[in-house]
Amino acid sequence: MSSFFTRDRFGSAQFIAGIILLAFLGQCVWFCSRVPLSDREVAFVLQGQHQWHRGEISFHDQVSPITGLLAALPLLGSHPTGEEPPPSWRWLARLPFLLIGLLYGASIWYVARRLYGNVAGYIALILYAFSPWFIIHSAMVQPELIAGWAAFGVIFTAIGVAHTLYAPREVVLWNWKRILLLGLALGVGFAAHAAVILLVPVALAFMWYLVPERRGAAAAILLSACVIGVLVVWAVFGFHLAALAYGIRSSHVFHVSPNAYIAPITWAWIATFFIRQQSTTTALLLISLITFAIWKRARFFGTAAPLIVCGVLLLIGIGLPTQGALPFYLMLLPFAFVFISGVMTDLLESRFAPISMGVVLGILVGHIFISVSGLLRM
């Protein structure tokens, strides 16, 4: 038992990350206590209750089945009703999403720390923990949070699996835990937002790039994970093939609209989201992009991979207006946080460290101030 509580597992880095996550949780609780359940949240809860109690599946193409199931899970003792939901529903229905929000933040910290070090983990986690978007989506019944966490898991689990292929072992049996995790991420992601499936080719491309001599093994692993993902989605749809088939047909994930890429309203919405709503993150992102472009040291797979995913998600969000752009922009942000943390860590270790430290601290403090002051004004 003592070997489990080692400094590597529970040291100062984990303690600091835990403090930041507690600050994130405090903001979520503050928001949750002041915002009642919306009509959309109640609809998700009722949908989930109907499925848990009666096995009924909603065929509406804009309803995420796993969102309702999770929201109704803490309410299994109650039954569907058309009356005004009691006050306790607010906390119980949102509890799974608070937990997912915390796990999402822990995942971002873990990935950034493993890639670039402790400082990078703190930077990425602060950007996440004091982002109004993620505070709101973690404190409400929303499918976007589930889809984003799953998308993050798909990409970085696939990268992690690829690195294990250098070991001379039987690839599928040896990697069964990672394959299961990758399959769960794919299934949960698709059940929350069908467009998560579009990241599968990106994950495969990363795996093939990392292990070009074992591309067959990488493809076999990803295919095995996809099979698990299909089973997960089927389970979410109550093992009803008709409902699953309808959900796939109505997802419209391949209905690309080329005109959206040249529509002025598209770029106006992007500017609104990234400049007005995420100004501090955008400032660090611009600095990181410029640094990445002109400084060779900052250009390597560890920083290029999350940046590529950001670009892919941005293009998907623009080209699939029927899916709504916001879910893709929210999926994009954590990858941007990881990219920023990697580039900033390189700058903090260079001869520009004093200037970089001032810029990073100043923007992060501003980021925290904007988030906290916004909540206090509610």
Foldseek 3Di string as FASTA:
>chain_A
DVVCPDCVNDNPLVVVLVVLLVLLLVLLVLVLVVDAADPVQLVLQLQLQCCVPPVDHDLPLLDQLVLSVQLNVLVNVDHDDPDDDDRVSSCSSLVVLLVLLSVLLVLLLVLLCVLAHSQLSVQLSLLSSLAQVSSVRSSHSALLSQLLSLLSLLQVLLLVLLVVVVDPDDSCVVCVVSLLSNLCSLQSNCSSAVLSVVCLVVSLVSSCVSCVVPSVSSVVSSVSSVVSSVVSNCVSSVVDPVSVVSNVVSNCLVVFDVVLVVDPVNVVVVCCCCCVRVNLLNVLLVVLVVCCVPPVVLDDCQLVSLVVLLVVLQNSLSGCVVRHNVSSNVSSVSSSSSNSSSSLSVCCVDPNNVVSVVSSVVSSVVSNCVSVVVSVVD
